[in-house]
Amino acid sequence: MRNYTTKRIAGGMQFTCSRCPHSVTTLDFKVEDGNLRTQAATAMNQHASKIHHEPVMFSSLDTQQRIWRS
């Protein structure tokens, strides 16, 4: 199960927790730090892990980005 839902907003995407009203948008992040959607998804997965004690979900892109930045 995904820890968040997504919807388009003006200028980006909003990611909302599946279990509570917490949300982030791609506008909250800097493009210099990588893909905005990946950053938002990572933030939501970290939220789910910390607040709701859900296992952290990783995409194959997360692993690839860690390799590139090493």
PDB file of N, CA and C in Angstrom:
ATOM      1  N   MET A   1       0.834  -1.172   0.000  1.00  0.00           N
ATOM      2  CA  MET A   1       0.000   0.000   0.000  1.00  0.00           C
ATOM      3  C   MET A   1       0.889   1.249   0.000  1.00  0.00           C
ATOM      4  N   ARG A   2       0.527   2.204  -0.776  1.00  0.00           N
ATOM      5  CA  ARG A   2       1.251   3.466  -0.841  1.00  0.00           C
ATOM      6  C   ARG A   2       0.912   4.316   0.383  1.00  0.00           C
ATOM      7  N   ASN A   3       1.909   5.023   0.879  1.00  0.00           N
ATOM      8  CA  ASN A   3       1.728   5.841   2.081  1.00  0.00           C
ATOM      9  C   ASN A   3       1.112   7.201   1.798  1.00  0.00           C
ATOM     10  N   TYR A   4       0.855   7.516   0.525  1.00  0.00           N
ATOM     11  CA  TYR A   4       0.372   8.852   0.178  1.00  0.00           C
ATOM     12  C   TYR A   4      -0.424   8.812  -1.120  1.00  0.00           C
ATOM     13  N   THR A   5      -1.191   9.886  -1.336  1.00  0.00           N
ATOM     14  CA  THR A   5      -1.871  10.081  -2.612  1.00  0.00           C
ATOM     15  C   THR A   5      -1.291  11.341  -3.246  1.00  0.00           C
ATOM     16  N   THR A   6      -1.475  11.474  -4.545  1.00  0.00           N
ATOM     17  CA  THR A   6      -0.959  12.647  -5.248  1.00  0.00           C
ATOM     18  C   THR A   6      -2.084  13.321  -6.021  1.00  0.00           C
ATOM     19  N   LYS A   7      -1.939  14.634  -6.195  1.00  0.00           N
ATOM     20  CA  LYS A   7      -2.859  15.361  -7.071  1.00  0.00           C
ATOM     21  C   LYS A   7      -2.121  16.569  -7.630  1.00  0.00           C
ATOM     22  N   ARG A   8      -2.514  16.952  -8.825  1.00  0.00           N
ATOM     23  CA  ARG A   8      -1.925  18.125  -9.464  1.00  0.00           C
ATOM     24  C   ARG A   8      -2.421  19.385  -8.778  1.00  0.00           C
ATOM     25  N   ILE A   9      -1.491  20.326  -8.603  1.00  0.00           N
ATOM     26  CA  ILE A   9      -1.831  21.661  -8.114  1.00  0.00           C
ATOM     27  C   ILE A   9      -1.151  22.654  -9.046  1.00  0.00           C
ATOM     28  N   ALA A  10      -1.492  23.907  -8.920  1.00  0.00           N
ATOM     29  CA  ALA A  10      -0.869  24.930  -9.766  1.00  0.00           C
ATOM     30  C   ALA A  10       0.642  24.938  -9.530  1.00  0.00           C
ATOM     31  N   GLY A  11       1.389  24.634 -10.564  1.00  0.00           N
ATOM     32  CA  GLY A  11       2.842  24.675 -10.486  1.00  0.00           C
ATOM     33  C   GLY A  11       3.514  23.420  -9.990  1.00  0.00           C
ATOM     34  N   GLY A  12       2.753  22.371  -9.672  1.00  0.00           N
ATOM     35  CA  GLY A  12       3.410  21.166  -9.180  1.00  0.00           C
ATOM     36  C   GLY A  12       2.448  20.064  -8.791  1.00  0.00           C
ATOM     37  N   MET A  13       2.860  19.290  -7.791  1.00  0.00           N
ATOM     38  CA  MET A  13       2.073  18.161  -7.298  1.00  0.00           C
ATOM     39  C   MET A  13       1.990  18.242  -5.782  1.00  0.00           C
ATOM     40  N   GLN A  14       0.840  17.801  -5.239  1.00  0.00           N
ATOM     41  CA  GLN A  14       0.679  17.710  -3.793  1.00  0.00           C
ATOM     42  C   GLN A  14       0.645  16.240  -3.414  1.00  0.00           C
ATOM     43  N   PHE A  15       1.388  15.878  -2.388  1.00  0.00           N
ATOM     44  CA  PHE A  15       1.445  14.526  -1.851  1.00  0.00           C
ATOM     45  C   PHE A  15       0.801  14.579  -0.470  1.00  0.00           C
ATOM     46  N   THR A  16      -0.251  13.780  -0.241  1.00  0.00           N
ATOM     47  CA  THR A  16      -0.981  13.796   1.015  1.00  0.00           C
ATOM     48  C   THR A  16      -0.926  12.414   1.645  1.00  0.00           C
ATOM     49  N   CYS A  17      -0.666  12.388   2.946  1.00  0.00           N
ATOM     50  CA  CYS A  17      -0.598  11.139   3.696  1.00  0.00           C
ATOM     51  C   CYS A  17      -1.927  10.391   3.594  1.00  0.00           C
ATOM     52  N   SER A  18      -1.852   9.080   3.478  1.00  0.00           N
ATOM     53  CA  SER A  18      -3.063   8.260   3.401  1.00  0.00           C
ATOM     54  C   SER A  18      -3.738   8.097   4.756  1.00  0.00           C
ATOM     55  N   ARG A  19      -3.030   8.422   5.830  1.00  0.00           N
ATOM     56  CA  ARG A  19      -3.550   8.182   7.175  1.00  0.00           C
ATOM     57  C   ARG A  19      -3.882   9.445   7.966  1.00  0.00           C
ATOM     58  N   CYS A  20      -3.424  10.613   7.488  1.00  0.00           N
ATOM     59  CA  CYS A  20      -3.676  11.864   8.216  1.00  0.00           C
ATOM     60  C   CYS A  20      -3.629  13.029   7.229  1.00  0.00           C
ATOM     61  N   PRO A  21      -3.893  14.244   7.662  1.00  0.00           N
ATOM     62  CA  PRO A  21      -3.933  15.389   6.742  1.00  0.00           C
ATOM     63  C   PRO A  21      -2.564  15.930   6.317  1.00  0.00           C
ATOM     64  N   HIS A  22      -1.470  15.365   6.836  1.00  0.00           N
ATOM     65  CA  HIS A  22      -0.132  15.865   6.493  1.00  0.00           C
ATOM     66  C   HIS A  22       0.094  15.816   4.978  1.00  0.00           C
ATOM     67  N   SER A  23       0.701  16.897   4.443  1.00  0.00           N
ATOM     68  CA  SER A  23       1.003  16.911   3.013  1.00  0.00           C
ATOM     69  C   SER A  23       2.247  17.748   2.745  1.00  0.00           C
ATOM     70  N   VAL A  24       2.851  17.499   1.601  1.00  0.00           N
ATOM     71  CA  VAL A  24       3.950  18.303   1.073  1.00  0.00           C
ATOM     72  C   VAL A  24       3.660  18.519  -0.402  1.00  0.00           C
ATOM     73  N   THR A  25       4.292  19.529  -0.975  1.00  0.00           N
ATOM     74  CA  THR A  25       4.161  19.740  -2.416  1.00  0.00           C
ATOM     75  C   THR A  25       5.552  19.756  -3.031  1.00  0.00           C
ATOM     76  N   THR A  26       5.606  19.571  -4.325  1.00  0.00           N
ATOM     77  CA  THR A  26       6.898  19.646  -5.012  1.00  0.00           C
ATOM     78  C   THR A  26       7.464  21.053  -4.924  1.00  0.00           C
ATOM     79  N   LEU A  27       6.620  22.039  -4.636  1.00  0.00           N
ATOM     80  CA  LEU A  27       7.074  23.425  -4.493  1.00  0.00           C
ATOM     81  C   LEU A  27       7.882  23.619  -3.203  1.00  0.00           C
ATOM     82  N   ASP A  28       7.817  22.657  -2.287  1.00  0.00           N
ATOM     83  CA  ASP A  28       8.540  22.735  -1.020  1.00  0.00           C
ATOM     84  C   ASP A  28      10.018  22.378  -1.159  1.00  0.00           C
ATOM     85  N   PHE A  29      10.421  21.881  -2.324  1.00  0.00           N
ATOM     86  CA  PHE A  29      11.772  21.351  -2.507  1.00  0.00           C
ATOM     87  C   PHE A  29      12.532  22.113  -3.582  1.00  0.00           C
ATOM     88  N   LYS A  30      13.861  21.938  -3.582  1.00  0.00           N
ATOM     89  CA  LYS A  30      14.731  22.625  -4.540  1.00  0.00           C
ATOM     90  C   LYS A  30      15.139  21.672  -5.657  1.00  0.00           C
ATOM     91  N   VAL A  31      15.016  22.117  -6.900  1.00  0.00           N
ATOM     92  CA  VAL A  31      15.376  21.307  -8.055  1.00  0.00           C
ATOM     93  C   VAL A  31      16.871  20.957  -8.035  1.00  0.00           C
ATOM     94  N   GLU A  32      17.679  21.800  -7.393  1.00  0.00           N
ATOM     95  CA  GLU A  32      19.111  21.534  -7.299  1.00  0.00           C
ATOM     96  C   GLU A  32      19.402  20.257  -6.516  1.00  0.00           C
ATOM     97  N   ASP A  33      18.457  19.831  -5.673  1.00  0.00           N
ATOM     98  CA  ASP A  33      18.639  18.632  -4.858  1.00  0.00           C
ATOM     99  C   ASP A  33      18.147  17.365  -5.547  1.00  0.00           C
ATOM    100  N   GLY A  34      17.684  17.471  -6.788  1.00  0.00           N
ATOM    101  CA  GLY A  34      17.228  16.295  -7.537  1.00  0.00           C
ATOM    102  C   GLY A  34      15.768  16.411  -7.931  1.00  0.00           C
ATOM    103  N   ASN A  35      15.224  15.302  -8.381  1.00  0.00           N
ATOM    104  CA  ASN A  35      13.854  15.237  -8.856  1.00  0.00           C
ATOM    105  C   ASN A  35      12.888  15.651  -7.747  1.00  0.00           C
ATOM    106  N   LEU A  36      12.024  16.610  -8.040  1.00  0.00           N
ATOM    107  CA  LEU A  36      11.102  17.148  -7.039  1.00  0.00           C
ATOM    108  C   LEU A  36      10.093  16.110  -6.560  1.00  0.00           C
ATOM    109  N   ARG A  37       9.595  15.295  -7.474  1.00  0.00           N
ATOM    110  CA  ARG A  37       8.630  14.250  -7.094  1.00  0.00           C
ATOM    111  C   ARG A  37       9.281  13.208  -6.198  1.00  0.00           C
ATOM    112  N   THR A  38      10.522  12.864  -6.502  1.00  0.00           N
ATOM    113  CA  THR A  38      11.237  11.889  -5.674  1.00  0.00           C
ATOM    114  C   THR A  38      11.464  12.446  -4.278  1.00  0.00           C
ATOM    115  N   GLN A  39      11.823  13.724  -4.189  1.00  0.00           N
ATOM    116  CA  GLN A  39      12.025  14.349  -2.882  1.00  0.00           C
ATOM    117  C   GLN A  39      10.724  14.369  -2.078  1.00  0.00           C
ATOM    118  N   ALA A  40       9.624  14.704  -2.719  1.00  0.00           N
ATOM    119  CA  ALA A  40       8.335  14.748  -2.034  1.00  0.00           C
ATOM    120  C   ALA A  40       7.905  13.349  -1.585  1.00  0.00           C
ATOM    121  N   ALA A  41       8.070  12.367  -2.450  1.00  0.00           N
ATOM    122  CA  ALA A  41       7.709  10.994  -2.101  1.00  0.00           C
ATOM    123  C   ALA A  41       8.567  10.489  -0.943  1.00  0.00           C
ATOM    124  N   THR A  42       9.840  10.810  -0.966  1.00  0.00           N
ATOM    125  CA  THR A  42      10.730  10.407   0.117  1.00  0.00           C
ATOM    126  C   THR A  42      10.292  11.041   1.430  1.00  0.00           C
ATOM    127  N   ALA A  43       9.941  12.322   1.393  1.00  0.00           N
ATOM    128  CA  ALA A  43       9.477  13.009   2.599  1.00  0.00           C
ATOM    129  C   ALA A  43       8.209  12.351   3.144  1.00  0.00           C
ATOM    130  N   MET A  44       7.297  11.969   2.258  1.00  0.00           N
ATOM    131  CA  MET A  44       6.063  11.332   2.705  1.00  0.00           C
ATOM    132  C   MET A  44       6.328   9.941   3.271  1.00  0.00           C
ATOM    133  N   ASN A  45       7.235   9.202   2.668  1.00  0.00           N
ATOM    134  CA  ASN A  45       7.579   7.882   3.194  1.00  0.00           C
ATOM    135  C   ASN A  45       8.256   8.001   4.558  1.00  0.00           C
ATOM    136  N   GLN A  46       9.094   9.010   4.723  1.00  0.00           N
ATOM    137  CA  GLN A  46       9.730   9.230   6.022  1.00  0.00           C
ATOM    138  C   GLN A  46       8.687   9.618   7.076  1.00  0.00           C
ATOM    139  N   HIS A  47       7.730  10.435   6.686  1.00  0.00           N
ATOM    140  CA  HIS A  47       6.628  10.807   7.583  1.00  0.00           C
ATOM    141  C   HIS A  47       5.870   9.553   8.014  1.00  0.00           C
ATOM    142  N   ALA A  48       5.506   8.712   7.065  1.00  0.00           N
ATOM    143  CA  ALA A  48       4.744   7.499   7.373  1.00  0.00           C
ATOM    144  C   ALA A  48       5.530   6.584   8.311  1.00  0.00           C
ATOM    145  N   SER A  49       6.819   6.499   8.097  1.00  0.00           N
ATOM    146  CA  SER A  49       7.664   5.657   8.939  1.00  0.00           C
ATOM    147  C   SER A  49       7.760   6.210  10.355  1.00  0.00           C
ATOM    148  N   LYS A  50       8.005   7.511  10.468  1.00  0.00           N
ATOM    149  CA  LYS A  50       8.207   8.135  11.778  1.00  0.00           C
ATOM    150  C   LYS A  50       6.907   8.271  12.572  1.00  0.00           C
ATOM    151  N   ILE A  51       5.869   8.767  11.933  1.00  0.00           N
ATOM    152  CA  ILE A  51       4.615   9.076  12.634  1.00  0.00           C
ATOM    153  C   ILE A  51       3.677   7.868  12.732  1.00  0.00           C
ATOM    154  N   HIS A  52       3.579   7.101  11.655  1.00  0.00           N
ATOM    155  CA  HIS A  52       2.612   5.997  11.607  1.00  0.00           C
ATOM    156  C   HIS A  52       3.269   4.625  11.728  1.00  0.00           C
ATOM    157  N   HIS A  53       4.589   4.598  11.876  1.00  0.00           N
ATOM    158  CA  HIS A  53       5.354   3.355  12.037  1.00  0.00           C
ATOM    159  C   HIS A  53       5.139   2.373  10.884  1.00  0.00           C
ATOM    160  N   GLU A  54       4.994   2.943   9.689  1.00  0.00           N
ATOM    161  CA  GLU A  54       4.866   2.148   8.470  1.00  0.00           C
ATOM    162  C   GLU A  54       6.258   1.865   7.910  1.00  0.00           C
ATOM    163  N   PRO A  55       6.459   0.728   7.263  1.00  0.00           N
ATOM    164  CA  PRO A  55       7.766   0.480   6.638  1.00  0.00           C
ATOM    165  C   PRO A  55       8.044   1.499   5.539  1.00  0.00           C
ATOM    166  N   VAL A  56       9.299   1.886   5.407  1.00  0.00           N
ATOM    167  CA  VAL A  56       9.699   2.852   4.383  1.00  0.00           C
ATOM    168  C   VAL A  56       9.680   2.173   3.031  1.00  0.00           C
ATOM    169  N   MET A  57       9.050   2.845   2.057  1.00  0.00           N
ATOM    170  CA  MET A  57       8.989   2.329   0.693  1.00  0.00           C
ATOM    171  C   MET A  57      10.080   2.994  -0.124  1.00  0.00           C
ATOM    172  N   PHE A  58      10.829   2.221  -0.888  1.00  0.00           N
ATOM    173  CA  PHE A  58      11.869   2.767  -1.750  1.00  0.00           C
ATOM    174  C   PHE A  58      11.562   2.390  -3.184  1.00  0.00           C
ATOM    175  N   SER A  59      11.739   3.336  -4.083  1.00  0.00           N
ATOM    176  CA  SER A  59      11.607   3.023  -5.501  1.00  0.00           C
ATOM    177  C   SER A  59      12.978   2.699  -6.045  1.00  0.00           C
ATOM    178  N   SER A  60      13.036   2.075  -7.191  1.00  0.00           N
ATOM    179  CA  SER A  60      14.317   1.773  -7.819  1.00  0.00           C
ATOM    180  C   SER A  60      15.075   3.051  -8.145  1.00  0.00           C
ATOM    181  N   LEU A  61      14.349   4.161  -8.378  1.00  0.00           N
ATOM    182  CA  LEU A  61      15.011   5.432  -8.652  1.00  0.00           C
ATOM    183  C   LEU A  61      15.748   5.948  -7.422  1.00  0.00           C
ATOM    184  N   ASP A  62      15.202   5.715  -6.221  1.00  0.00           N
ATOM    185  CA  ASP A  62      15.879   6.133  -5.003  1.00  0.00           C
ATOM    186  C   ASP A  62      17.245   5.474  -4.908  1.00  0.00           C
ATOM    187  N   THR A  63      17.302   4.186  -5.147  1.00  0.00           N
ATOM    188  CA  THR A  63      18.553   3.442  -5.079  1.00  0.00           C
ATOM    189  C   THR A  63      19.519   3.962  -6.141  1.00  0.00           C
ATOM    190  N   GLN A  64      19.032   4.179  -7.346  1.00  0.00           N
ATOM    191  CA  GLN A  64      19.891   4.662  -8.431  1.00  0.00           C
ATOM    192  C   GLN A  64      20.460   6.038  -8.100  1.00  0.00           C
ATOM    193  N   GLN A  65      19.658   6.918  -7.530  1.00  0.00           N
ATOM    194  CA  GLN A  65      20.142   8.246  -7.184  1.00  0.00           C
ATOM    195  C   GLN A  65      21.213   8.178  -6.109  1.00  0.00           C
ATOM    196  N   ARG A  66      21.074   7.264  -5.167  1.00  0.00           N
ATOM    197  CA  ARG A  66      22.098   7.120  -4.131  1.00  0.00           C
ATOM    198  C   ARG A  66      23.417   6.671  -4.753  1.00  0.00           C
ATOM    199  N   ILE A  67      23.345   5.807  -5.748  1.00  0.00           N
ATOM    200  CA  ILE A  67      24.558   5.333  -6.434  1.00  0.00           C
ATOM    201  C   ILE A  67      25.215   6.497  -7.165  1.00  0.00           C
ATOM    202  N   TRP A  68      24.403   7.306  -7.875  1.00  0.00           N
ATOM    203  CA  TRP A  68      24.956   8.417  -8.641  1.00  0.00           C
ATOM    204  C   TRP A  68      25.594   9.455  -7.745  1.00  0.00           C
ATOM    205  N   ARG A  69      25.041   9.663  -6.568  1.00  0.00           N
ATOM    206  CA  ARG A  69      25.550  10.714  -5.679  1.00  0.00           C
ATOM    207  C   ARG A  69      26.700  10.246  -4.815  1.00  0.00           C
ATOM    208  N   SER A  70      27.014   8.967  -4.835  1.00  0.00           N
ATOM    209  CA  SER A  70      28.108   8.429  -4.019  1.00  0.00           C
ATOM    210  C   SER A  70      29.461   8.804  -4.581  1.00  0.00           C
TER     211      SER A  70
END
